[in-house]
Amino acid sequence: RVYSQVVKRTLRNGTTTACYFATIHTDSSLLLGQIANDFG
């Protein structure tokens, strides 16, 4: 829920490239990568 919102919000504001910190959790960090890829 959070990662989908931040990727959409930054893209909508013109951020085509983002350097993201996630958290210590491997699986949710991988999820952030998937979401960024899905939204382009």
Full PDB file with SEQRES, HELIX, SHEET, SSBOND, CRYST1, ORIGX, SCALE, CONECT and MASTER records, all heavy atoms in Angstrom:
SEQRES   1 A   40  ARG VAL TYR SER GLN VAL VAL LYS ARG THR LEU ARG ASN          
SEQRES   2 A   40  GLY THR THR THR ALA CYS TYR PHE ALA THR ILE HIS THR          
SEQRES   3 A   40  ASP SER SER LEU LEU LEU GLY GLN ILE ALA ASN ASP PHE          
SEQRES   4 A   40  GLY                                                          
HELIX    1 AA1 VAL A    2  ARG A   12  1                                  11    
HELIX    2 AA2 THR A   26  PHE A   39  1                                  14    
CRYST1    1.000    1.000    1.000  90.00  90.00  90.00 P 1           1          
ORIGX1      1.000000  0.000000  0.000000        0.00000                         
ORIGX2      0.000000  1.000000  0.000000        0.00000                         
ORIGX3      0.000000  0.000000  1.000000        0.00000                         
SCALE1      1.000000  0.000000  0.000000        0.00000                         
SCALE2      0.000000  1.000000  0.000000        0.00000                         
SCALE3      0.000000  0.000000  1.000000        0.00000                         
ATOM      1  N   ARG A   1       0.826  -1.209   0.000  1.00  0.00           N  
ATOM      2  CA  ARG A   1       0.000   0.000   0.000  1.00  0.00           C  
ATOM      3  C   ARG A   1       0.865   1.266   0.000  1.00  0.00           C  
ATOM      4  O   ARG A   1       0.641   2.184  -0.791  1.00  0.00           O  
ATOM      5  CB  ARG A   1      -0.945  -0.012   1.202  1.00  0.00           C  
ATOM      6  CG  ARG A   1      -1.974   1.106   1.177  1.00  0.00           C  
ATOM      7  CD  ARG A   1      -3.145   0.811   2.103  1.00  0.00           C  
ATOM      8  NE  ARG A   1      -2.821   1.022   3.511  1.00  0.00           N  
ATOM      9  CZ  ARG A   1      -2.727   0.050   4.403  1.00  0.00           C  
ATOM     10  NH1 ARG A   1      -2.890  -1.208   4.050  1.00  0.00           N  
ATOM     11  NH2 ARG A   1      -2.447   0.326   5.666  1.00  0.00           N  
ATOM     12  N   VAL A   2       1.859   1.287   0.856  1.00  0.00           N  
ATOM     13  CA  VAL A   2       2.706   2.483   0.958  1.00  0.00           C  
ATOM     14  C   VAL A   2       3.583   2.642  -0.284  1.00  0.00           C  
ATOM     15  O   VAL A   2       3.677   3.729  -0.862  1.00  0.00           O  
ATOM     16  CB  VAL A   2       3.588   2.419   2.223  1.00  0.00           C  
ATOM     17  CG1 VAL A   2       4.544   3.612   2.269  1.00  0.00           C  
ATOM     18  CG2 VAL A   2       2.722   2.396   3.474  1.00  0.00           C  
ATOM     19  N   TYR A   3       4.215   1.563  -0.712  1.00  0.00           N  
ATOM     20  CA  TYR A   3       5.143   1.652  -1.840  1.00  0.00           C  
ATOM     21  C   TYR A   3       4.419   1.998  -3.141  1.00  0.00           C  
ATOM     22  O   TYR A   3       4.958   2.727  -3.978  1.00  0.00           O  
ATOM     23  CB  TYR A   3       5.935   0.354  -1.979  1.00  0.00           C  
ATOM     24  CG  TYR A   3       7.004   0.155  -0.923  1.00  0.00           C  
ATOM     25  CD1 TYR A   3       7.480  -1.113  -0.606  1.00  0.00           C  
ATOM     26  CD2 TYR A   3       7.546   1.240  -0.227  1.00  0.00           C  
ATOM     27  CE1 TYR A   3       8.470  -1.299   0.346  1.00  0.00           C  
ATOM     28  CE2 TYR A   3       8.514   1.064   0.730  1.00  0.00           C  
ATOM     29  CZ  TYR A   3       8.981  -0.205   1.021  1.00  0.00           C  
ATOM     30  OH  TYR A   3       9.963  -0.372   1.971  1.00  0.00           O  
ATOM     31  N   SER A   4       3.205   1.494  -3.320  1.00  0.00           N  
ATOM     32  CA  SER A   4       2.443   1.860  -4.519  1.00  0.00           C  
ATOM     33  C   SER A   4       2.145   3.353  -4.525  1.00  0.00           C  
ATOM     34  O   SER A   4       2.243   4.024  -5.560  1.00  0.00           O  
ATOM     35  CB  SER A   4       1.132   1.066  -4.582  1.00  0.00           C  
ATOM     36  OG  SER A   4       1.379  -0.310  -4.732  1.00  0.00           O  
ATOM     37  N   GLN A   5       1.804   3.874  -3.366  1.00  0.00           N  
ATOM     38  CA  GLN A   5       1.482   5.302  -3.279  1.00  0.00           C  
ATOM     39  C   GLN A   5       2.691   6.180  -3.535  1.00  0.00           C  
ATOM     40  O   GLN A   5       2.598   7.199  -4.234  1.00  0.00           O  
ATOM     41  CB  GLN A   5       0.873   5.622  -1.909  1.00  0.00           C  
ATOM     42  CG  GLN A   5      -0.523   5.056  -1.690  1.00  0.00           C  
ATOM     43  CD  GLN A   5      -1.559   5.698  -2.597  1.00  0.00           C  
ATOM     44  OE1 GLN A   5      -1.376   6.806  -3.086  1.00  0.00           O  
ATOM     45  NE2 GLN A   5      -2.652   4.991  -2.839  1.00  0.00           N  
ATOM     46  N   VAL A   6       3.852   5.814  -2.978  1.00  0.00           N  
ATOM     47  CA  VAL A   6       5.021   6.685  -3.144  1.00  0.00           C  
ATOM     48  C   VAL A   6       5.527   6.655  -4.583  1.00  0.00           C  
ATOM     49  O   VAL A   6       5.933   7.692  -5.130  1.00  0.00           O  
ATOM     50  CB  VAL A   6       6.141   6.326  -2.136  1.00  0.00           C  
ATOM     51  CG1 VAL A   6       6.821   5.013  -2.450  1.00  0.00           C  
ATOM     52  CG2 VAL A   6       7.183   7.443  -2.088  1.00  0.00           C  
ATOM     53  N   VAL A   7       5.485   5.497  -5.237  1.00  0.00           N  
ATOM     54  CA  VAL A   7       5.914   5.435  -6.637  1.00  0.00           C  
ATOM     55  C   VAL A   7       4.970   6.253  -7.514  1.00  0.00           C  
ATOM     56  O   VAL A   7       5.410   7.025  -8.375  1.00  0.00           O  
ATOM     57  CB  VAL A   7       5.998   3.974  -7.119  1.00  0.00           C  
ATOM     58  CG1 VAL A   7       6.218   3.918  -8.632  1.00  0.00           C  
ATOM     59  CG2 VAL A   7       7.141   3.249  -6.404  1.00  0.00           C  
ATOM     60  N   LYS A   8       3.675   6.123  -7.285  1.00  0.00           N  
ATOM     61  CA  LYS A   8       2.708   6.889  -8.074  1.00  0.00           C  
ATOM     62  C   LYS A   8       2.846   8.394  -7.814  1.00  0.00           C  
ATOM     63  O   LYS A   8       2.802   9.199  -8.740  1.00  0.00           O  
ATOM     64  CB  LYS A   8       1.289   6.424  -7.764  1.00  0.00           C  
ATOM     65  CG  LYS A   8       0.964   5.037  -8.292  1.00  0.00           C  
ATOM     66  CD  LYS A   8      -0.384   4.539  -7.824  1.00  0.00           C  
ATOM     67  CE  LYS A   8      -1.525   5.304  -8.450  1.00  0.00           C  
ATOM     68  NZ  LYS A   8      -2.835   4.706  -8.079  1.00  0.00           N  
ATOM     69  N   ARG A   9       3.017   8.755  -6.564  1.00  0.00           N  
ATOM     70  CA  ARG A   9       3.120  10.184  -6.229  1.00  0.00           C  
ATOM     71  C   ARG A   9       4.367  10.808  -6.838  1.00  0.00           C  
ATOM     72  O   ARG A   9       4.309  11.910  -7.391  1.00  0.00           O  
ATOM     73  CB  ARG A   9       3.130  10.359  -4.713  1.00  0.00           C  
ATOM     74  CG  ARG A   9       3.303  11.816  -4.239  1.00  0.00           C  
ATOM     75  CD  ARG A   9       2.147  12.703  -4.665  1.00  0.00           C  
ATOM     76  NE  ARG A   9       0.899  12.277  -4.032  1.00  0.00           N  
ATOM     77  CZ  ARG A   9      -0.289  12.807  -4.307  1.00  0.00           C  
ATOM     78  NH1 ARG A   9      -0.381  13.784  -5.186  1.00  0.00           N  
ATOM     79  NH2 ARG A   9      -1.379  12.345  -3.714  1.00  0.00           N  
ATOM     80  N   THR A  10       5.494  10.125  -6.743  1.00  0.00           N  
ATOM     81  CA  THR A  10       6.722  10.707  -7.298  1.00  0.00           C  
ATOM     82  C   THR A  10       6.665  10.768  -8.825  1.00  0.00           C  
ATOM     83  O   THR A  10       7.077  11.764  -9.415  1.00  0.00           O  
ATOM     84  CB  THR A  10       7.960   9.914  -6.832  1.00  0.00           C  
ATOM     85  OG1 THR A  10       7.787   8.519  -7.121  1.00  0.00           O  
ATOM     86  CG2 THR A  10       8.195  10.096  -5.348  1.00  0.00           C  
ATOM     87  N   LEU A  11       6.126   9.736  -9.469  1.00  0.00           N  
ATOM     88  CA  LEU A  11       5.979   9.784 -10.927  1.00  0.00           C  
ATOM     89  C   LEU A  11       5.060  10.921 -11.341  1.00  0.00           C  
ATOM     90  O   LEU A  11       5.346  11.657 -12.290  1.00  0.00           O  
ATOM     91  CB  LEU A  11       5.423   8.460 -11.448  1.00  0.00           C  
ATOM     92  CG  LEU A  11       6.417   7.332 -11.708  1.00  0.00           C  
ATOM     93  CD1 LEU A  11       5.681   6.054 -12.064  1.00  0.00           C  
ATOM     94  CD2 LEU A  11       7.397   7.709 -12.823  1.00  0.00           C  
ATOM     95  N   ARG A  12       3.955  11.066 -10.634  1.00  0.00           N  
ATOM     96  CA  ARG A  12       3.002  12.132 -10.965  1.00  0.00           C  
ATOM     97  C   ARG A  12       3.662  13.504 -10.830  1.00  0.00           C  
ATOM     98  O   ARG A  12       3.307  14.449 -11.540  1.00  0.00           O  
ATOM     99  CB  ARG A  12       1.783  12.026 -10.046  1.00  0.00           C  
ATOM    100  CG  ARG A  12       0.580  12.870 -10.491  1.00  0.00           C  
ATOM    101  CD  ARG A  12      -0.573  12.734  -9.516  1.00  0.00           C  
ATOM    102  NE  ARG A  12      -1.088  11.374  -9.475  1.00  0.00           N  
ATOM    103  CZ  ARG A  12      -1.172  10.620  -8.369  1.00  0.00           C  
ATOM    104  NH1 ARG A  12      -0.723  11.096  -7.209  1.00  0.00           N  
ATOM    105  NH2 ARG A  12      -1.669   9.413  -8.409  1.00  0.00           N  
ATOM    106  N   ASN A  13       4.620  13.612  -9.932  1.00  0.00           N  
ATOM    107  CA  ASN A  13       5.337  14.876  -9.739  1.00  0.00           C  
ATOM    108  C   ASN A  13       6.587  14.979 -10.603  1.00  0.00           C  
ATOM    109  O   ASN A  13       7.391  15.884 -10.406  1.00  0.00           O  
ATOM    110  CB  ASN A  13       5.682  15.058  -8.263  1.00  0.00           C  
ATOM    111  CG  ASN A  13       4.514  15.567  -7.447  1.00  0.00           C  
ATOM    112  OD1 ASN A  13       4.188  16.749  -7.476  1.00  0.00           O  
ATOM    113  ND2 ASN A  13       3.850  14.666  -6.732  1.00  0.00           N  
ATOM    114  N   GLY A  14       6.750  14.053 -11.536  1.00  0.00           N  
ATOM    115  CA  GLY A  14       7.819  14.196 -12.528  1.00  0.00           C  
ATOM    116  C   GLY A  14       9.120  13.509 -12.202  1.00  0.00           C  
ATOM    117  O   GLY A  14      10.112  13.704 -12.915  1.00  0.00           O  
ATOM    118  N   THR A  15       9.159  12.684 -11.145  1.00  0.00           N  
ATOM    119  CA  THR A  15      10.379  11.962 -10.809  1.00  0.00           C  
ATOM    120  C   THR A  15      10.464  10.712 -11.670  1.00  0.00           C  
ATOM    121  O   THR A  15       9.780   9.711 -11.398  1.00  0.00           O  
ATOM    122  CB  THR A  15      10.408  11.580  -9.316  1.00  0.00           C  
ATOM    123  OG1 THR A  15      10.371  12.766  -8.528  1.00  0.00           O  
ATOM    124  CG2 THR A  15      11.674  10.795  -8.981  1.00  0.00           C  
ATOM    125  N   THR A  16      11.290  10.757 -12.692  1.00  0.00           N  
ATOM    126  CA  THR A  16      11.444   9.601 -13.574  1.00  0.00           C  
ATOM    127  C   THR A  16      12.497   8.630 -13.058  1.00  0.00           C  
ATOM    128  O   THR A  16      12.478   7.452 -13.405  1.00  0.00           O  
ATOM    129  CB  THR A  16      11.813  10.044 -14.995  1.00  0.00           C  
ATOM    130  OG1 THR A  16      12.983  10.882 -14.939  1.00  0.00           O  
ATOM    131  CG2 THR A  16      10.676  10.826 -15.639  1.00  0.00           C  
ATOM    132  N   THR A  17      13.411   9.115 -12.224  1.00  0.00           N  
ATOM    133  CA  THR A  17      14.442   8.265 -11.601  1.00  0.00           C  
ATOM    134  C   THR A  17      14.455   8.528 -10.105  1.00  0.00           C  
ATOM    135  O   THR A  17      14.506   9.690  -9.681  1.00  0.00           O  
ATOM    136  CB  THR A  17      15.838   8.559 -12.174  1.00  0.00           C  
ATOM    137  OG1 THR A  17      15.843   8.308 -13.576  1.00  0.00           O  
ATOM    138  CG2 THR A  17      16.896   7.696 -11.504  1.00  0.00           C  
ATOM    139  N   ALA A  18      14.401   7.449  -9.304  1.00  0.00           N  
ATOM    140  CA  ALA A  18      14.434   7.600  -7.849  1.00  0.00           C  
ATOM    141  C   ALA A  18      15.437   6.621  -7.259  1.00  0.00           C  
ATOM    142  O   ALA A  18      15.528   5.471  -7.689  1.00  0.00           O  
ATOM    143  CB  ALA A  18      13.056   7.353  -7.249  1.00  0.00           C  
ATOM    144  N   CYS A  19      16.179   7.102  -6.264  1.00  0.00           N  
ATOM    145  CA  CYS A  19      17.118   6.261  -5.515  1.00  0.00           C  
ATOM    146  C   CYS A  19      16.505   6.038  -4.136  1.00  0.00           C  
ATOM    147  O   CYS A  19      16.501   6.947  -3.292  1.00  0.00           O  
ATOM    148  CB  CYS A  19      18.479   6.940  -5.414  1.00  0.00           C  
ATOM    149  SG  CYS A  19      19.785   5.882  -4.771  1.00  0.00           S  
ATOM    150  N   TYR A  20      15.957   4.840  -3.928  1.00  0.00           N  
ATOM    151  CA  TYR A  20      15.124   4.547  -2.769  1.00  0.00           C  
ATOM    152  C   TYR A  20      15.867   3.806  -1.663  1.00  0.00           C  
ATOM    153  O   TYR A  20      16.566   2.824  -1.914  1.00  0.00           O  
ATOM    154  CB  TYR A  20      13.956   3.649  -3.175  1.00  0.00           C  
ATOM    155  CG  TYR A  20      12.856   4.302  -3.969  1.00  0.00           C  
ATOM    156  CD1 TYR A  20      12.547   3.859  -5.249  1.00  0.00           C  
ATOM    157  CD2 TYR A  20      12.075   5.326  -3.424  1.00  0.00           C  
ATOM    158  CE1 TYR A  20      11.506   4.413  -5.979  1.00  0.00           C  
ATOM    159  CE2 TYR A  20      11.030   5.895  -4.140  1.00  0.00           C  
ATOM    160  CZ  TYR A  20      10.755   5.435  -5.419  1.00  0.00           C  
ATOM    161  OH  TYR A  20       9.722   5.995  -6.134  1.00  0.00           O  
ATOM    162  N   PHE A  21      15.656   4.262  -0.423  1.00  0.00           N  
ATOM    163  CA  PHE A  21      15.879   3.451   0.756  1.00  0.00           C  
ATOM    164  C   PHE A  21      14.573   2.713   1.033  1.00  0.00           C  
ATOM    165  O   PHE A  21      13.499   3.325   1.035  1.00  0.00           O  
ATOM    166  CB  PHE A  21      16.175   4.328   1.977  1.00  0.00           C  
ATOM    167  CG  PHE A  21      17.627   4.623   2.212  1.00  0.00           C  
ATOM    168  CD1 PHE A  21      18.360   5.362   1.291  1.00  0.00           C  
ATOM    169  CD2 PHE A  21      18.253   4.215   3.374  1.00  0.00           C  
ATOM    170  CE1 PHE A  21      19.686   5.664   1.523  1.00  0.00           C  
ATOM    171  CE2 PHE A  21      19.586   4.519   3.614  1.00  0.00           C  
ATOM    172  CZ  PHE A  21      20.314   5.234   2.683  1.00  0.00           C  
ATOM    173  N   ALA A  22      14.648   1.411   1.297  1.00  0.00           N  
ATOM    174  CA  ALA A  22      13.477   0.666   1.744  1.00  0.00           C  
ATOM    175  C   ALA A  22      13.622   0.454   3.251  1.00  0.00           C  
ATOM    176  O   ALA A  22      13.760   1.422   3.993  1.00  0.00           O  
ATOM    177  CB  ALA A  22      13.363  -0.650   0.973  1.00  0.00           C  
ATOM    178  N   THR A  23      13.600  -0.800   3.706  1.00  0.00           N  
ATOM    179  CA  THR A  23      13.799  -1.110   5.126  1.00  0.00           C  
ATOM    180  C   THR A  23      14.741  -2.314   5.223  1.00  0.00           C  
ATOM    181  O   THR A  23      15.305  -2.743   4.221  1.00  0.00           O  
ATOM    182  CB  THR A  23      12.456  -1.464   5.812  1.00  0.00           C  
ATOM    183  OG1 THR A  23      11.941  -2.672   5.214  1.00  0.00           O  
ATOM    184  CG2 THR A  23      11.446  -0.343   5.653  1.00  0.00           C  
ATOM    185  N   ILE A  24      14.853  -2.885   6.418  1.00  0.00           N  
ATOM    186  CA  ILE A  24      15.725  -4.047   6.593  1.00  0.00           C  
ATOM    187  C   ILE A  24      15.083  -5.319   6.055  1.00  0.00           C  
ATOM    188  O   ILE A  24      15.736  -6.364   6.005  1.00  0.00           O  
ATOM    189  CB  ILE A  24      16.118  -4.251   8.072  1.00  0.00           C  
ATOM    190  CG1 ILE A  24      14.906  -4.645   8.918  1.00  0.00           C  
ATOM    191  CG2 ILE A  24      16.799  -3.005   8.630  1.00  0.00           C  
ATOM    192  CD1 ILE A  24      15.244  -5.041  10.353  1.00  0.00           C  
ATOM    193  N   HIS A  25      13.824  -5.255   5.641  1.00  0.00           N  
ATOM    194  CA  HIS A  25      13.064  -6.448   5.257  1.00  0.00           C  
ATOM    195  C   HIS A  25      13.276  -6.769   3.778  1.00  0.00           C  
ATOM    196  O   HIS A  25      12.924  -5.984   2.901  1.00  0.00           O  
ATOM    197  CB  HIS A  25      11.583  -6.237   5.542  1.00  0.00           C  
ATOM    198  CG  HIS A  25      11.318  -5.760   6.932  1.00  0.00           C  
ATOM    199  ND1 HIS A  25      11.063  -4.424   7.216  1.00  0.00           N  
ATOM    200  CD2 HIS A  25      11.318  -6.421   8.124  1.00  0.00           C  
ATOM    201  CE1 HIS A  25      10.881  -4.287   8.515  1.00  0.00           C  
ATOM    202  NE2 HIS A  25      11.031  -5.476   9.089  1.00  0.00           N  
ATOM    203  N   THR A  26      13.826  -7.937   3.498  1.00  0.00           N  
ATOM    204  CA  THR A  26      14.190  -8.302   2.135  1.00  0.00           C  
ATOM    205  C   THR A  26      12.970  -8.397   1.216  1.00  0.00           C  
ATOM    206  O   THR A  26      12.963  -7.842   0.114  1.00  0.00           O  
ATOM    207  CB  THR A  26      14.944  -9.646   2.130  1.00  0.00           C  
ATOM    208  OG1 THR A  26      16.104  -9.522   2.951  1.00  0.00           O  
ATOM    209  CG2 THR A  26      15.352 -10.045   0.718  1.00  0.00           C  
ATOM    210  N   ASP A  27      11.934  -9.095   1.652  1.00  0.00           N  
ATOM    211  CA  ASP A  27      10.806  -9.353   0.757  1.00  0.00           C  
ATOM    212  C   ASP A  27      10.050  -8.076   0.407  1.00  0.00           C  
ATOM    213  O   ASP A  27       9.646  -7.888  -0.748  1.00  0.00           O  
ATOM    214  CB  ASP A  27       9.858 -10.386   1.379  1.00  0.00           C  
ATOM    215  CG  ASP A  27      10.494 -11.773   1.444  1.00  0.00           C  
ATOM    216  OD1 ASP A  27      11.314 -12.088   0.553  1.00  0.00           O  
ATOM    217  OD2 ASP A  27      10.187 -12.531   2.380  1.00  0.00           O  
ATOM    218  N   SER A  28       9.865  -7.185   1.360  1.00  0.00           N  
ATOM    219  CA  SER A  28       9.163  -5.945   1.022  1.00  0.00           C  
ATOM    220  C   SER A  28      10.056  -5.018   0.200  1.00  0.00           C  
ATOM    221  O   SER A  28       9.564  -4.236  -0.615  1.00  0.00           O  
ATOM    222  CB  SER A  28       8.652  -5.236   2.284  1.00  0.00           C  
ATOM    223  OG  SER A  28       9.706  -4.892   3.147  1.00  0.00           O  
ATOM    224  N   SER A  29      11.378  -5.121   0.375  1.00  0.00           N  
ATOM    225  CA  SER A  29      12.287  -4.339  -0.469  1.00  0.00           C  
ATOM    226  C   SER A  29      12.216  -4.831  -1.912  1.00  0.00           C  
ATOM    227  O   SER A  29      12.226  -4.030  -2.862  1.00  0.00           O  
ATOM    228  CB  SER A  29      13.720  -4.435   0.060  1.00  0.00           C  
ATOM    229  OG  SER A  29      13.814  -3.928   1.374  1.00  0.00           O  
ATOM    230  N   LEU A  30      12.137  -6.138  -2.091  1.00  0.00           N  
ATOM    231  CA  LEU A  30      11.943  -6.695  -3.434  1.00  0.00           C  
ATOM    232  C   LEU A  30      10.610  -6.242  -4.016  1.00  0.00           C  
ATOM    233  O   LEU A  30      10.500  -5.978  -5.219  1.00  0.00           O  
ATOM    234  CB  LEU A  30      11.994  -8.224  -3.376  1.00  0.00           C  
ATOM    235  CG  LEU A  30      13.374  -8.842  -3.107  1.00  0.00           C  
ATOM    236  CD1 LEU A  30      13.245 -10.321  -2.765  1.00  0.00           C  
ATOM    237  CD2 LEU A  30      14.297  -8.660  -4.323  1.00  0.00           C  
ATOM    238  N   LEU A  31       9.603  -6.135  -3.161  1.00  0.00           N  
ATOM    239  CA  LEU A  31       8.293  -5.668  -3.606  1.00  0.00           C  
ATOM    240  C   LEU A  31       8.368  -4.240  -4.130  1.00  0.00           C  
ATOM    241  O   LEU A  31       7.736  -3.902  -5.140  1.00  0.00           O  
ATOM    242  CB  LEU A  31       7.296  -5.769  -2.455  1.00  0.00           C  
ATOM    243  CG  LEU A  31       5.863  -5.328  -2.737  1.00  0.00           C  
ATOM    244  CD1 LEU A  31       5.228  -6.168  -3.844  1.00  0.00           C  
ATOM    245  CD2 LEU A  31       5.019  -5.420  -1.452  1.00  0.00           C  
ATOM    246  N   LEU A  32       9.152  -3.395  -3.474  1.00  0.00           N  
ATOM    247  CA  LEU A  32       9.330  -2.023  -3.960  1.00  0.00           C  
ATOM    248  C   LEU A  32       9.930  -2.022  -5.361  1.00  0.00           C  
ATOM    249  O   LEU A  32       9.498  -1.253  -6.235  1.00  0.00           O  
ATOM    250  CB  LEU A  32      10.216  -1.234  -2.998  1.00  0.00           C  
ATOM    251  CG  LEU A  32      10.621   0.177  -3.426  1.00  0.00           C  
ATOM    252  CD1 LEU A  32       9.406   1.053  -3.717  1.00  0.00           C  
ATOM    253  CD2 LEU A  32      11.512   0.824  -2.355  1.00  0.00           C  
ATOM    254  N   GLY A  33      10.905  -2.881  -5.602  1.00  0.00           N  
ATOM    255  CA  GLY A  33      11.480  -2.993  -6.937  1.00  0.00           C  
ATOM    256  C   GLY A  33      10.448  -3.412  -7.960  1.00  0.00           C  
ATOM    257  O   GLY A  33      10.400  -2.888  -9.078  1.00  0.00           O  
ATOM    258  N   GLN A  34       9.585  -4.374  -7.587  1.00  0.00           N  
ATOM    259  CA  GLN A  34       8.540  -4.833  -8.501  1.00  0.00           C  
ATOM    260  C   GLN A  34       7.557  -3.714  -8.814  1.00  0.00           C  
ATOM    261  O   GLN A  34       7.151  -3.529  -9.967  1.00  0.00           O  
ATOM    262  CB  GLN A  34       7.800  -6.013  -7.873  1.00  0.00           C  
ATOM    263  CG  GLN A  34       6.629  -6.519  -8.707  1.00  0.00           C  
ATOM    264  CD  GLN A  34       5.734  -7.453  -7.918  1.00  0.00           C  
ATOM    265  OE1 GLN A  34       6.213  -8.304  -7.170  1.00  0.00           O  
ATOM    266  NE2 GLN A  34       4.428  -7.300  -8.068  1.00  0.00           N  
ATOM    267  N   ILE A  35       7.175  -2.957  -7.806  1.00  0.00           N  
ATOM    268  CA  ILE A  35       6.199  -1.878  -8.002  1.00  0.00           C  
ATOM    269  C   ILE A  35       6.782  -0.783  -8.891  1.00  0.00           C  
ATOM    270  O   ILE A  35       6.111  -0.269  -9.798  1.00  0.00           O  
ATOM    271  CB  ILE A  35       5.740  -1.325  -6.641  1.00  0.00           C  
ATOM    272  CG1 ILE A  35       4.891  -2.379  -5.918  1.00  0.00           C  
ATOM    273  CG2 ILE A  35       4.969  -0.024  -6.800  1.00  0.00           C  
ATOM    274  CD1 ILE A  35       4.617  -2.067  -4.459  1.00  0.00           C  
ATOM    275  N   ALA A  36       8.032  -0.410  -8.652  1.00  0.00           N  
ATOM    276  CA  ALA A  36       8.680   0.587  -9.508  1.00  0.00           C  
ATOM    277  C   ALA A  36       8.706   0.096 -10.951  1.00  0.00           C  
ATOM    278  O   ALA A  36       8.427   0.848 -11.894  1.00  0.00           O  
ATOM    279  CB  ALA A  36      10.087   0.886  -9.013  1.00  0.00           C  
ATOM    280  N   ASN A  37       9.034  -1.179 -11.140  1.00  0.00           N  
ATOM    281  CA  ASN A  37       9.054  -1.745 -12.488  1.00  0.00           C  
ATOM    282  C   ASN A  37       7.658  -1.733 -13.115  1.00  0.00           C  
ATOM    283  O   ASN A  37       7.491  -1.368 -14.285  1.00  0.00           O  
ATOM    284  CB  ASN A  37       9.577  -3.178 -12.436  1.00  0.00           C  
ATOM    285  CG  ASN A  37       9.500  -3.876 -13.786  1.00  0.00           C  
ATOM    286  OD1 ASN A  37      10.268  -3.592 -14.704  1.00  0.00           O  
ATOM    287  ND2 ASN A  37       8.548  -4.797 -13.937  1.00  0.00           N  
ATOM    288  N   ASP A  38       6.641  -2.112 -12.351  1.00  0.00           N  
ATOM    289  CA  ASP A  38       5.287  -2.183 -12.887  1.00  0.00           C  
ATOM    290  C   ASP A  38       4.785  -0.820 -13.353  1.00  0.00           C  
ATOM    291  O   ASP A  38       4.102  -0.717 -14.371  1.00  0.00           O  
ATOM    292  CB  ASP A  38       4.326  -2.743 -11.829  1.00  0.00           C  
ATOM    293  CG  ASP A  38       4.517  -4.230 -11.588  1.00  0.00           C  
ATOM    294  OD1 ASP A  38       5.209  -4.880 -12.401  1.00  0.00           O  
ATOM    295  OD2 ASP A  38       3.992  -4.741 -10.588  1.00  0.00           O  
ATOM    296  N   PHE A  39       5.125   0.220 -12.602  1.00  0.00           N  
ATOM    297  CA  PHE A  39       4.684   1.565 -12.981  1.00  0.00           C  
ATOM    298  C   PHE A  39       5.632   2.242 -13.969  1.00  0.00           C  
ATOM    299  O   PHE A  39       5.331   3.318 -14.478  1.00  0.00           O  
ATOM    300  CB  PHE A  39       4.505   2.440 -11.739  1.00  0.00           C  
ATOM    301  CG  PHE A  39       3.221   2.185 -10.996  1.00  0.00           C  
ATOM    302  CD1 PHE A  39       3.220   1.476  -9.812  1.00  0.00           C  
ATOM    303  CD2 PHE A  39       2.011   2.635 -11.500  1.00  0.00           C  
ATOM    304  CE1 PHE A  39       2.043   1.226  -9.125  1.00  0.00           C  
ATOM    305  CE2 PHE A  39       0.827   2.399 -10.827  1.00  0.00           C  
ATOM    306  CZ  PHE A  39       0.838   1.693  -9.635  1.00  0.00           C  
ATOM    307  N   GLY A  40       6.794   1.629 -14.216  1.00  0.00           N  
ATOM    308  CA  GLY A  40       7.699   2.140 -15.237  1.00  0.00           C  
ATOM    309  C   GLY A  40       8.682   3.181 -14.765  1.00  0.00           C  
ATOM    310  O   GLY A  40       9.254   3.915 -15.579  1.00  0.00           O  
TER     311      GLY A  40                                                      
MASTER        0    0    0    2    0    0    0    6  310    1    0    4          
END                                                                             
